C-alpha atoms as a PDB file:
ATOM      1  CA  MET A   1      83.428  65.141 115.854  1.00  0.00           C
ATOM      2  CA  ALA A   2      80.424  67.323 116.644  1.00  0.00           C
ATOM      3  CA  ALA A   3      79.841  67.890 112.923  1.00  0.00           C
ATOM      4  CA  ARG A   4      79.752  64.144 112.323  1.00  0.00           C
ATOM      5  CA  LYS A   5      77.061  63.758 114.969  1.00  0.00           C
ATOM      6  CA  ASP A   6      74.951  66.659 113.703  1.00  0.00           C
ATOM      7  CA  PRO A   7      71.818  65.186 112.067  1.00  0.00           C
ATOM      8  CA  GLY A   8      71.115  68.480 110.319  1.00  0.00           C
ATOM      9  CA  ARG A   9      74.349  68.195 108.350  1.00  0.00           C
ATOM     10  CA  TRP A  10      73.407  64.741 107.073  1.00  0.00           C
ATOM     11  CA  ILE A  11      69.847  65.789 106.294  1.00  0.00           C
ATOM     12  CA  LEU A  12      71.307  68.562 104.130  1.00  0.00           C
ATOM     13  CA  VAL A  13      73.679  66.137 102.382  1.00  0.00           C
ATOM     14  CA  ALA A  14      70.769  63.777 101.707  1.00  0.00           C
ATOM     15  CA  ALA A  15      68.673  66.664 100.334  1.00  0.00           C
ATOM     16  CA  VAL A  16      71.374  67.676  97.857  1.00  0.00           C
ATOM     17  CA  ALA A  17      71.953  64.053  96.837  1.00  0.00           C
ATOM     18  CA  ALA A  18      68.219  63.531  96.231  1.00  0.00           C
ATOM     19  CA  GLY A  19      67.830  66.743  94.265  1.00  0.00           C
ATOM     20  CA  VAL A  20      70.873  66.237  92.077  1.00  0.00           C
ATOM     21  CA  SER A  21      70.166  62.563  91.393  1.00  0.00           C
ATOM     22  CA  TYR A  22      66.559  63.298  90.420  1.00  0.00           C
ATOM     23  CA  MET A  23      67.647  64.309  86.926  1.00  0.00           C
ATOM     24  CA  ALA A  24      69.178  60.854  86.455  1.00  0.00           C
ATOM     25  CA  SER A  25      65.772  59.329  87.178  1.00  0.00           C
ATOM     26  CA  TRP A  26      64.335  60.792  83.980  1.00  0.00           C
ATOM     27  CA  SER A  27      65.884  57.986  81.952  1.00  0.00           C
ATOM     28  CA  LEU A  28      64.487  55.263  84.219  1.00  0.00           C
ATOM     29  CA  PRO A  29      61.139  53.484  83.754  1.00  0.00           C
ATOM     30  CA  LEU A  30      59.612  54.679  87.027  1.00  0.00           C
ATOM     31  CA  GLY A  31      55.985  54.653  88.095  1.00  0.00           C
ATOM     32  CA  ILE A  32      54.321  57.951  88.900  1.00  0.00           C
ATOM     33  CA  VAL A  33      54.470  57.399  92.679  1.00  0.00           C
ATOM     34  CA  THR A  34      58.197  56.660  92.627  1.00  0.00           C
ATOM     35  CA  ALA A  35      58.927  59.550  90.275  1.00  0.00           C
ATOM     36  CA  ALA A  36      56.885  61.993  92.375  1.00  0.00           C
ATOM     37  CA  THR A  37      58.501  60.800  95.605  1.00  0.00           C
ATOM     38  CA  TRP A  38      61.979  61.190  94.159  1.00  0.00           C
ATOM     39  CA  LYS A  39      61.122  64.635  92.837  1.00  0.00           C
ATOM     40  CA  GLY A  40      59.760  65.833  96.163  1.00  0.00           C
ATOM     41  CA  ALA A  41      62.544  64.301  98.250  1.00  0.00           C
ATOM     42  CA  GLY A  42      65.141  67.011  97.638  1.00  0.00           C
ATOM     43  CA  VAL A  43      63.119  70.018  98.789  1.00  0.00           C
ATOM     44  CA  GLY A  44      61.221  67.848 101.272  1.00  0.00           C
ATOM     45  CA  LEU A  45      64.527  67.100 103.008  1.00  0.00           C
ATOM     46  CA  LEU A  46      65.361  70.813 102.901  1.00  0.00           C
ATOM     47  CA  ALA A  47      62.091  71.369 104.788  1.00  0.00           C
ATOM     48  CA  LEU A  48      63.211  68.751 107.322  1.00  0.00           C
ATOM     49  CA  TYR A  49      66.577  70.502 107.614  1.00  0.00           C
ATOM     50  CA  ALA A  50      64.858  73.855 108.179  1.00  0.00           C
ATOM     51  CA  GLY A  51      62.571  72.282 110.768  1.00  0.00           C
ATOM     52  CA  TRP A  52      65.537  70.693 112.541  1.00  0.00           C
ATOM     53  CA  SER A  53      67.229  74.119 112.716  1.00  0.00           C
ATOM     54  CA  ALA A  54      64.088  76.078 113.666  1.00  0.00           C
ATOM     55  CA  ARG A  55      63.772  77.480 117.150  1.00  0.00           C
ATOM     56  CA  ARG A  56      61.534  80.504 116.566  1.00  0.00           C
ATOM     57  CA  LEU A  57      58.802  81.621 114.183  1.00  0.00           C
ATOM     58  CA  ASP A  58      61.140  82.647 111.358  1.00  0.00           C
ATOM     59  CA  GLY A  59      62.690  79.197 111.310  1.00  0.00           C
ATOM     60  CA  TRP A  60      59.289  77.544 111.116  1.00  0.00           C
ATOM     61  CA  LEU A  61      58.260  79.927 108.331  1.00  0.00           C
ATOM     62  CA  LEU A  62      61.309  78.775 106.358  1.00  0.00           C
ATOM     63  CA  CYS A  63      60.296  75.177 107.038  1.00  0.00           C
ATOM     64  CA  ALA A  64      56.802  75.933 105.687  1.00  0.00           C
ATOM     65  CA  VAL A  65      58.217  77.589 102.552  1.00  0.00           C
ATOM     66  CA  MET A  66      60.269  74.486 101.777  1.00  0.00           C
ATOM     67  CA  ALA A  67      57.384  72.157 102.653  1.00  0.00           C
ATOM     68  CA  PHE A  68      55.034  73.885 100.206  1.00  0.00           C
ATOM     69  CA  GLY A  69      57.794  73.754  97.592  1.00  0.00           C
ATOM     70  CA  ALA A  70      58.065  69.993  98.038  1.00  0.00           C
ATOM     71  CA  MET A  71      54.278  69.728  97.896  1.00  0.00           C
ATOM     72  CA  GLY A  72      54.287  71.679  94.642  1.00  0.00           C
ATOM     73  CA  ASP A  73      56.891  69.321  93.172  1.00  0.00           C
ATOM     74  CA  VAL A  74      54.769  66.279  93.998  1.00  0.00           C
ATOM     75  CA  LEU A  75      51.459  67.820  92.911  1.00  0.00           C
ATOM     76  CA  ILE A  76      52.843  68.800  89.517  1.00  0.00           C
ATOM     77  CA  GLU A  77      53.685  65.144  88.913  1.00  0.00           C
ATOM     78  CA  THR A  78      50.463  63.683  90.291  1.00  0.00           C
ATOM     79  CA  GLN A  79      47.759  66.350  89.804  1.00  0.00           C
ATOM     80  CA  GLY A  80      49.095  68.709  87.157  1.00  0.00           C
ATOM     81  CA  LEU A  81      50.679  72.131  86.799  1.00  0.00           C
ATOM     82  CA  ILE A  82      47.828  74.185  88.262  1.00  0.00           C
ATOM     83  CA  ALA A  83      47.661  72.231  91.528  1.00  0.00           C
ATOM     84  CA  GLY A  84      51.421  72.462  91.882  1.00  0.00           C
ATOM     85  CA  ALA A  85      51.395  76.188  91.138  1.00  0.00           C
ATOM     86  CA  VAL A  86      48.851  76.786  93.921  1.00  0.00           C
ATOM     87  CA  ALA A  87      51.142  75.053  96.437  1.00  0.00           C
ATOM     88  CA  PHE A  88      54.121  77.060  95.235  1.00  0.00           C
ATOM     89  CA  LEU A  89      52.146  80.300  95.407  1.00  0.00           C
ATOM     90  CA  ILE A  90      51.227  79.607  99.038  1.00  0.00           C
ATOM     91  CA  GLY A  91      54.919  79.054  99.714  1.00  0.00           C
ATOM     92  CA  HIS A  92      55.768  82.351  98.010  1.00  0.00           C
ATOM     93  CA  LEU A  93      53.241  84.217 100.171  1.00  0.00           C
ATOM     94  CA  ILE A  94      54.721  82.681 103.336  1.00  0.00           C
ATOM     95  CA  ALA A  95      58.204  83.624 102.119  1.00  0.00           C
ATOM     96  CA  ILE A  96      57.089  87.222 101.528  1.00  0.00           C
ATOM     97  CA  GLY A  97      55.929  87.341 105.147  1.00  0.00           C
ATOM     98  CA  LEU A  98      59.262  85.910 106.316  1.00  0.00           C
ATOM     99  CA  TYR A  99      61.260  88.462 104.332  1.00  0.00           C
ATOM    100  CA  LEU A 100      59.076  91.356 105.464  1.00  0.00           C
ATOM    101  CA  ARG A 101      59.732  90.325 109.060  1.00  0.00           C
ATOM    102  CA  ASN A 102      63.445  90.523 108.275  1.00  0.00           C
ATOM    103  CA  ARG A 103      63.778  93.668 106.175  1.00  0.00           C
ATOM    104  CA  ARG A 104      67.257  95.022 105.501  1.00  0.00           C
ATOM    105  CA  PRO A 105      67.731  98.462 107.133  1.00  0.00           C
ATOM    106  CA  GLY A 106      68.660 101.152 104.639  1.00  0.00           C
ATOM    107  CA  PRO A 107      68.952  99.232 101.349  1.00  0.00           C
ATOM    108  CA  SER A 108      71.100 100.905  98.703  1.00  0.00           C
ATOM    109  CA  PRO A 109      69.563 102.601  95.631  1.00  0.00           C
ATOM    110  CA  SER A 110      70.815  99.772  93.391  1.00  0.00           C
ATOM    111  CA  GLN A 111      69.135  97.185  95.615  1.00  0.00           C
ATOM    112  CA  MET A 112      65.910  99.140  95.563  1.00  0.00           C
ATOM    113  CA  LEU A 113      66.123  99.502  91.774  1.00  0.00           C
ATOM    114  CA  LEU A 114      66.571  95.778  91.188  1.00  0.00           C
ATOM    115  CA  ALA A 115      63.749  94.913  93.572  1.00  0.00           C
ATOM    116  CA  GLY A 116      61.521  97.481  91.878  1.00  0.00           C
ATOM    117  CA  LEU A 117      62.249  96.164  88.402  1.00  0.00           C
ATOM    118  CA  VAL A 118      61.988  92.423  89.041  1.00  0.00           C
ATOM    119  CA  VAL A 119      58.222  92.483  89.607  1.00  0.00           C
ATOM    120  CA  PRO A 120      56.985  94.282  86.455  1.00  0.00           C
ATOM    121  CA  VAL A 121      59.656  92.690  84.239  1.00  0.00           C
ATOM    122  CA  THR A 122      58.877  89.165  85.451  1.00  0.00           C
ATOM    123  CA  VAL A 123      55.116  89.629  85.103  1.00  0.00           C
ATOM    124  CA  ALA A 124      55.484  91.117  81.611  1.00  0.00           C
ATOM    125  CA  ILE A 125      57.744  88.289  80.395  1.00  0.00           C
ATOM    126  CA  ALA A 126      55.485  85.655  81.944  1.00  0.00           C
ATOM    127  CA  TRP A 127      52.467  87.188  80.202  1.00  0.00           C
ATOM    128  CA  MET A 128      54.157  87.014  76.804  1.00  0.00           C
ATOM    129  CA  LEU A 129      55.589  83.486  76.971  1.00  0.00           C
ATOM    130  CA  PRO A 130      52.688  80.958  76.909  1.00  0.00           C
ATOM    131  CA  GLY A 131      51.716  79.715  73.463  1.00  0.00           C
ATOM    132  CA  ASP A 132      48.148  79.218  74.715  1.00  0.00           C
ATOM    133  CA  ARG A 133      47.123  82.831  75.226  1.00  0.00           C
ATOM    134  CA  SER A 134      44.122  81.848  77.364  1.00  0.00           C
ATOM    135  CA  SER A 135      46.570  80.789  80.095  1.00  0.00           C
ATOM    136  CA  ALA A 136      48.461  84.103  80.066  1.00  0.00           C
ATOM    137  CA  PRO A 137      46.381  85.836  82.811  1.00  0.00           C
ATOM    138  CA  GLY A 138      46.838  82.930  85.229  1.00  0.00           C
ATOM    139  CA  VAL A 139      50.541  82.715  84.457  1.00  0.00           C
ATOM    140  CA  ALA A 140      50.935  86.461  85.031  1.00  0.00           C
ATOM    141  CA  ALA A 141      49.037  86.275  88.347  1.00  0.00           C
ATOM    142  CA  TYR A 142      51.326  83.494  89.561  1.00  0.00           C
ATOM    143  CA  ALA A 143      54.365  85.455  88.338  1.00  0.00           C
ATOM    144  CA  LEU A 144      53.250  88.419  90.436  1.00  0.00           C
ATOM    145  CA  GLY A 145      53.506  86.374  93.638  1.00  0.00           C
ATOM    146  CA  LEU A 146      56.754  84.757  92.490  1.00  0.00           C
ATOM    147  CA  SER A 147      58.440  88.061  91.627  1.00  0.00           C
ATOM    148  CA  MET A 148      57.267  89.768  94.824  1.00  0.00           C
ATOM    149  CA  MET A 149      58.861  86.912  96.760  1.00  0.00           C
ATOM    150  CA  ALA A 150      62.153  87.457  94.909  1.00  0.00           C
ATOM    151  CA  ALA A 151      62.037  91.228  95.401  1.00  0.00           C
ATOM    152  CA  MET A 152      61.422  90.871  99.135  1.00  0.00           C
ATOM    153  CA  ALA A 153      64.225  88.291  99.416  1.00  0.00           C
ATOM    154  CA  TRP A 154      66.601  90.762  97.749  1.00  0.00           C
ATOM    155  CA  LEU A 155      65.586  93.498 100.217  1.00  0.00           C
ATOM    156  CA  SER A 156      65.745  91.241 103.287  1.00  0.00           C
ATOM    157  CA  ARG A 157      68.645  91.040 105.717  1.00  0.00           C
ATOM    158  CA  PHE A 158      69.419  87.516 104.550  1.00  0.00           C
ATOM    159  CA  PRO A 159      72.555  87.183 102.359  1.00  0.00           C
ATOM    160  CA  ARG A 160      71.793  88.502  98.872  1.00  0.00           C
ATOM    161  CA  TYR A 161      74.168  86.085  97.200  1.00  0.00           C
ATOM    162  CA  ARG A 162      72.488  83.122  98.851  1.00  0.00           C
ATOM    163  CA  ALA A 163      68.844  83.822  99.681  1.00  0.00           C
ATOM    164  CA  GLY A 164      68.494  86.708  97.221  1.00  0.00           C
ATOM    165  CA  LEU A 165      70.283  84.949  94.375  1.00  0.00           C
ATOM    166  CA  GLY A 166      68.387  81.734  95.097  1.00  0.00           C
ATOM    167  CA  ALA A 167      65.072  83.577  94.787  1.00  0.00           C
ATOM    168  CA  MET A 168      66.174  85.071  91.452  1.00  0.00           C
ATOM    169  CA  MET A 169      67.139  81.586  90.235  1.00  0.00           C
ATOM    170  CA  PHE A 170      63.645  80.410  91.209  1.00  0.00           C
ATOM    171  CA  VAL A 171      62.210  83.193  89.031  1.00  0.00           C
ATOM    172  CA  ALA A 172      64.422  82.189  86.096  1.00  0.00           C
ATOM    173  CA  SER A 173      63.395  78.543  86.468  1.00  0.00           C
ATOM    174  CA  ASP A 174      59.684  79.346  86.399  1.00  0.00           C
ATOM    175  CA  LEU A 175      60.083  81.651  83.409  1.00  0.00           C
ATOM    176  CA  LEU A 176      61.697  78.731  81.578  1.00  0.00           C
ATOM    177  CA  ILE A 177      58.672  76.594  82.501  1.00  0.00           C
ATOM    178  CA  PHE A 178      56.431  79.190  80.861  1.00  0.00           C
ATOM    179  CA  ALA A 179      58.790  79.347  77.859  1.00  0.00           C
ATOM    180  CA  ARG A 180      58.559  75.565  77.483  1.00  0.00           C
ATOM    181  CA  ALA A 181      54.842  76.079  76.846  1.00  0.00           C
ATOM    182  CA  GLY A 182      55.713  78.585  74.125  1.00  0.00           C
ATOM    183  CA  PRO A 183      58.847  79.541  72.187  1.00  0.00           C
ATOM    184  CA  LEU A 184      61.153  76.915  73.752  1.00  0.00           C
ATOM    185  CA  SER A 185      58.798  73.964  73.452  1.00  0.00           C
ATOM    186  CA  GLU A 186      61.306  72.024  71.320  1.00  0.00           C
ATOM    187  CA  ALA A 187      64.442  72.780  73.375  1.00  0.00           C
ATOM    188  CA  ALA A 188      66.008  69.508  74.569  1.00  0.00           C
ATOM    189  CA  TRP A 189      68.007  71.174  77.338  1.00  0.00           C
ATOM    190  CA  ILE A 190      65.225  73.107  78.995  1.00  0.00           C
ATOM    191  CA  GLY A 191      64.123  70.461  81.488  1.00  0.00           C
ATOM    192  CA  TYR A 192      67.625  70.222  82.926  1.00  0.00           C
ATOM    193  CA  ALA A 193      67.931  74.016  83.151  1.00  0.00           C
ATOM    194  CA  ILE A 194      64.557  74.315  84.882  1.00  0.00           C
ATOM    195  CA  TRP A 195      65.375  71.748  87.539  1.00  0.00           C
ATOM    196  CA  ALA A 196      68.969  72.881  88.101  1.00  0.00           C
ATOM    197  CA  LEU A 197      67.971  76.523  88.589  1.00  0.00           C
ATOM    198  CA  TYR A 198      64.999  75.621  90.782  1.00  0.00           C
ATOM    199  CA  PHE A 199      66.708  73.157  93.084  1.00  0.00           C
ATOM    200  CA  ALA A 200      69.935  75.156  93.424  1.00  0.00           C
ATOM    201  CA  GLY A 201      67.797  78.218  94.165  1.00  0.00           C
ATOM    202  CA  GLN A 202      65.900  76.403  96.912  1.00  0.00           C
ATOM    203  CA  VAL A 203      69.169  75.198  98.459  1.00  0.00           C
ATOM    204  CA  LEU A 204      70.587  78.732  98.458  1.00  0.00           C
ATOM    205  CA  ILE A 205      67.404  80.174  99.979  1.00  0.00           C
ATOM    206  CA  CYS A 206      67.315  77.520 102.701  1.00  0.00           C
ATOM    207  CA  LEU A 207      71.004  77.872 103.588  1.00  0.00           C
ATOM    208  CA  GLY A 208      70.984  81.663 103.424  1.00  0.00           C
ATOM    209  CA  VAL A 209      67.996  82.054 105.729  1.00  0.00           C
ATOM    210  CA  ALA A 210      68.869  79.227 108.113  1.00  0.00           C
ATOM    211  CA  SER A 211      72.496  80.321 108.563  1.00  0.00           C
ATOM    212  CA  THR A 212      71.432  83.873 109.400  1.00  0.00           C
ATOM    213  CA  LEU A 213      68.805  82.700 111.874  1.00  0.00           C
ATOM    214  CA  ASN A 214      71.283  80.332 113.500  1.00  0.00           C
ATOM    215  CA  ARG A 215      73.896  83.091 113.880  1.00  0.00           C
ATOM    216  CA  ARG A 216      71.316  85.379 115.471  1.00  0.00           C
ATOM    217  CA  ARG A 217      70.324  82.635 117.885  1.00  0.00           C
ATOM    218  CA  ALA A 218      73.973  81.975 118.773  1.00  0.00           C
END
């Protein structure tokens, strides 16, 4: 009965429904405002869920990470890729701060190795992917912030197979975005893969961090 009355539960259900259904909107003749609103609704509702759960600074940092993600989704649709990337990068920097505040004590050598590799490998791949080579430095700079976020998530005390995996899925999604501007420009499936990896990654990050913070509070 308590679960039925918990608004946070229904906010989360609405977030997943909005994010999953967004792909169906691609075949509809929507205006840019409607399309952007639908796109931002999934992660925007995750931000609302994080805000509903927040009681201390870490919870509000998670809320900010999701809010900048939703802002990035909307800005990409309305202002272009660069404006959206700036919003996402701000979110990544906030997430790095959140993960540094919650470092895992004594990570194993394999965890350290993966975290150490993800940054240079991601930046190198991002540099090589764009067909327009003039954009490669900017793409690599963004990838640096993105990969540092993922590395810190993997080394944080939040569950690796939720928050850590979600951050790695975010990295994979953005690398596919860069590949769509290069070698995979003709791939029909790539848009679905980008969105599925991105949104599922955001859900896993939000749930992994929020559940840990809620357990600590309890």
